[in-house]
Protein backbone atom coordinates (compact mmCIF):
# COMPACT_ATOMS: atom_id res chain seq x y z
CA MET A 1 0.00 0.00 0.00
CA SER A 2 1.32 3.47 -0.90
CA THR A 3 1.98 6.16 1.69
CA VAL A 4 -1.07 8.07 0.46
CA GLY A 5 -3.19 4.92 0.69
CA THR A 6 -1.98 4.21 4.21
CA PHE A 7 -2.77 7.76 5.28
CA LYS A 8 -6.30 7.51 3.91
CA HIS A 9 -6.78 4.16 5.67
CA LEU A 10 -5.67 5.57 9.02
CA ARG A 11 -7.86 8.65 8.57
CA ARG A 12 -10.91 6.48 7.89
CA ALA A 13 -10.14 4.38 11.00
CA ALA A 14 -9.81 7.49 13.11
CA GLY A 15 -13.10 8.74 11.72
CA VAL A 16 -14.83 5.52 12.77
CA VAL A 17 -13.46 5.86 16.31
CA ILE A 18 -14.62 9.48 16.56
CA THR A 19 -18.04 8.56 15.19
CA LEU A 20 -18.45 5.78 17.73
CA ALA A 21 -17.40 8.09 20.55
CA VAL A 22 -19.93 10.71 19.47
CA ALA A 23 -22.64 8.06 19.23
CA ALA A 24 -21.85 6.80 22.69
CA PHE A 25 -22.01 10.34 24.03
CA ALA A 26 -25.40 10.87 22.37
CA VAL A 27 -26.84 7.68 23.78
CA GLY A 28 -25.43 7.75 27.29
CA GLY A 29 -24.71 11.41 27.85
CA SER A 30 -21.41 12.70 29.12
CA LEU A 31 -19.03 10.21 30.68
CA SER A 32 -18.19 11.41 34.16
CA ALA A 33 -14.77 11.03 35.73
CA ASP A 34 -16.30 8.59 38.21
CA ASP A 35 -17.70 6.43 35.43
CA ALA A 36 -14.38 6.50 33.63
CA VAL A 37 -12.53 5.36 36.72
CA ALA A 38 -15.12 2.69 37.44
CA SER A 39 -14.94 1.34 33.90
CA GLN A 40 -11.14 1.25 33.97
CA GLY A 41 -11.10 -0.40 37.40
CA THR A 42 -8.01 1.54 38.44
CA LEU A 43 -9.06 1.76 42.09
CA GLU A 44 -8.77 -1.44 44.07
CA ILE A 45 -11.72 -1.88 46.42
CA LYS A 46 -11.78 -4.83 48.80
CA LEU A 47 -15.35 -5.89 49.54
CA SER A 48 -15.65 -9.01 51.71
CA ALA A 49 -18.77 -11.15 52.11
CA ALA A 50 -19.75 -11.17 55.77
CA THR A 51 -22.43 -11.54 58.44
CA TRP A 52 -22.95 -9.58 61.66
CA LYS A 53 -20.88 -12.25 63.42
CA ASP A 54 -17.92 -11.01 61.40
CA VAL A 55 -18.61 -7.48 62.59
CA GLU A 56 -18.61 -8.66 66.19
CA LYS A 57 -15.32 -10.51 65.61
CA LEU A 58 -13.82 -7.40 64.03
CA VAL A 59 -14.76 -5.37 67.11
CA ALA A 60 -13.25 -8.03 69.39
CA ASP A 61 -10.07 -8.08 67.31
CA ASN A 62 -9.53 -4.34 67.81
CA PRO A 63 -9.29 -3.80 71.58
CA GLY A 64 -8.36 -0.30 72.60
CA LYS A 65 -9.86 1.19 69.47
CA ILE A 66 -13.23 2.80 68.76
CA VAL A 67 -15.10 0.93 66.02
CA VAL A 68 -17.74 2.67 63.91
CA VAL A 69 -20.01 0.47 61.78
CA ASP A 70 -22.15 2.17 59.15
CA VAL A 71 -25.08 0.01 57.99
CA TRP A 72 -26.18 1.21 54.57
CA SER A 73 -27.65 0.31 51.18
CA THR A 74 -27.45 1.66 47.64
CA SER A 75 -31.26 1.88 47.70
CA CYS A 76 -31.13 4.26 50.69
CA LEU A 77 -30.53 7.88 49.67
CA PRO A 78 -29.86 9.18 53.20
CA CYS A 79 -27.33 6.36 53.64
CA MET A 80 -25.42 7.35 50.52
CA THR A 81 -25.62 11.05 51.40
CA GLU A 82 -24.03 10.45 54.80
CA PHE A 83 -21.54 7.80 53.67
CA PRO A 84 -18.66 10.17 52.75
CA HIS A 85 -18.66 11.41 56.35
CA LEU A 86 -17.66 7.91 57.48
CA LEU A 87 -14.53 8.22 55.36
CA THR A 88 -13.79 11.68 56.72
CA LEU A 89 -14.20 10.36 60.26
CA GLN A 90 -11.55 7.70 59.60
CA LYS A 91 -9.13 10.25 58.17
CA THR A 92 -9.72 12.60 61.10
CA HIS A 93 -8.97 10.07 63.85
CA GLY A 94 -6.51 7.80 62.08
CA ASP A 95 -5.42 4.65 63.91
CA LYS A 96 -7.49 5.49 66.98
CA LEU A 97 -10.54 4.46 64.99
CA VAL A 98 -11.68 1.53 62.87
CA CYS A 99 -14.46 2.41 60.43
CA VAL A 100 -16.54 -0.30 58.81
CA SER A 101 -18.91 -0.07 55.86
CA PHE A 102 -21.57 -2.79 56.18
CA ASN A 103 -23.71 -2.97 53.04
CA VAL A 104 -27.18 -4.56 53.25
CA ASP A 105 -28.37 -4.49 49.64
CA TYR A 106 -29.25 -8.22 49.77
CA VAL A 107 -32.97 -8.59 50.50
CA GLY A 108 -33.31 -12.37 50.21
CA ILE A 109 -34.50 -12.83 46.62
CA LYS A 110 -33.33 -16.30 45.52
CA SER A 111 -32.46 -15.19 42.01
CA LYS A 112 -30.45 -12.29 43.40
CA PRO A 113 -28.03 -13.56 46.05
CA ALA A 114 -25.73 -11.21 47.92
CA GLU A 115 -23.05 -11.47 45.22
CA TYR A 116 -25.53 -10.13 42.67
CA TYR A 117 -25.20 -6.72 44.30
CA ARG A 118 -21.40 -6.68 44.42
CA PRO A 119 -20.82 -4.74 41.16
CA ARG A 120 -23.05 -1.80 42.08
CA VAL A 121 -21.80 -1.71 45.65
CA GLU A 122 -18.18 -1.74 44.46
CA LYS A 123 -18.98 1.00 41.95
CA PHE A 124 -20.30 3.22 44.74
CA LEU A 125 -17.31 2.46 46.97
CA ARG A 126 -14.90 3.11 44.12
CA LYS A 127 -16.61 6.41 43.37
CA HIS A 128 -15.79 7.58 46.88
CA ASP A 129 -12.28 6.08 46.89
CA THR A 130 -13.21 4.12 50.00
CA THR A 131 -10.33 3.20 52.31
CA VAL A 132 -12.31 1.79 55.26
CA ILE A 133 -13.18 -1.88 55.84
CA ASN A 134 -15.94 -2.83 53.40
CA LEU A 135 -18.31 -5.72 54.09
CA LEU A 136 -21.14 -7.12 51.94
CA CYS A 137 -23.84 -8.67 54.12
CA THR A 138 -24.88 -12.19 53.10
CA THR A 139 -27.84 -12.26 55.49
CA GLU A 140 -31.15 -11.08 54.06
CA THR A 141 -32.16 -7.71 55.45
CA ASP A 142 -35.40 -8.84 57.15
CA LYS A 143 -33.56 -11.42 59.23
CA LEU A 144 -30.66 -9.10 59.96
CA PHE A 145 -32.95 -6.28 61.08
CA ALA A 146 -34.93 -8.68 63.26
CA ASP A 147 -31.77 -10.03 64.86
CA LEU A 148 -30.48 -6.52 65.53
CA LYS A 149 -33.91 -5.20 66.52
CA LEU A 150 -33.37 -2.50 63.92
CA ASP A 151 -36.32 -0.82 62.21
CA SER A 152 -34.58 0.85 59.30
CA ILE A 153 -31.39 2.31 57.90
CA PRO A 154 -29.26 4.35 57.92
CA ALA A 155 -27.89 3.11 61.20
CA VAL A 156 -24.48 3.58 62.77
CA TYR A 157 -23.05 1.51 65.61
CA VAL A 158 -20.27 3.02 67.73
CA TYR A 159 -18.27 0.62 69.91
CA GLY A 160 -15.99 1.91 72.66
CA THR A 161 -12.40 0.88 73.28
CA ASP A 162 -13.71 -1.80 75.65
CA GLY A 163 -15.49 -3.53 72.75
CA LYS A 164 -18.95 -2.72 74.09
CA LEU A 165 -21.62 -0.87 72.15
CA ALA A 166 -21.40 2.76 73.24
CA ARG A 167 -24.32 3.99 71.17
CA ARG A 168 -26.49 3.12 68.21
CA PHE A 169 -27.67 5.90 65.95
CA ASP A 170 -30.92 4.95 64.22
CA SER A 171 -34.46 6.05 63.37
CA SER A 172 -35.50 5.94 67.04
CA LEU A 173 -33.63 9.23 67.49
CA LEU A 174 -35.90 11.10 65.08
CA GLU A 175 -37.48 14.12 66.71
CA ASP A 176 -40.56 16.09 65.66
CA GLY A 177 -39.75 18.65 63.01
CA GLU A 178 -36.46 16.98 62.03
CA GLU A 179 -35.90 15.49 58.58
CA GLU A 180 -33.19 13.06 59.70
CA ALA A 181 -32.81 11.10 62.92
CA PHE A 182 -29.09 11.84 63.02
CA THR A 183 -26.15 13.01 60.93
CA TYR A 184 -22.43 12.53 61.24
CA GLU A 185 -21.80 16.25 61.52
CA SER A 186 -24.33 16.94 64.26
CA ASP A 187 -24.35 13.68 66.20
CA ILE A 188 -21.78 11.01 65.40
CA ASN A 189 -18.66 13.16 65.00
CA PRO A 190 -19.12 14.94 68.36
CA PHE A 191 -19.86 11.62 70.09
CA VAL A 192 -16.74 9.95 68.67
CA ALA A 193 -14.65 13.02 69.53
CA GLU A 194 -15.88 12.79 73.11
CA LEU A 195 -15.01 9.09 73.32
CA THR A 196 -11.50 9.63 71.94
CA SER A 197 -10.84 12.53 74.31
CA GLN A 198 -11.82 10.32 77.25
CA GLY A 199 -9.88 7.35 75.93
CA ARG A 200 -13.08 5.33 75.76
């Protein structure tokens, strides 16, 4: 093939690539940086299958440290709104604190086991560059909530340095006139700060 012919061939190939890119943009809209990162898989996110027994073991394995467990789901908007504050809490207190993300997307549908939800959970975690301990609950939510005597999520469990539950933040804290039962900024952060200052 002549030089001119090669140039024309390469130009046509480039044109096809550009056309496909434009088509993809038209169909799916703009590709966000988060989507690009997620599709490339450049951020390693460790998401381990677990039950609440594993959470209890994790607390027991970290004596002398405060453990914060955030129970959340990708179907819970308040959960996802508050989630970044869990990451900030870990960065703020460093090795004095162990933060745990406990996802409860699995609702017990036989055709959709816990692993079915892994891709979308990992995508959310990757979007936030999550560096805390990430667990994917393999117990269906109805049973888990019944075992924990928990009405709904979001819910955050804070364990003291003695391994005992210091406080649970959940819907029972909702007051008249308030939109949310609790937030990290107003409730959890000050509580954890108090525990760390007292060495508890």
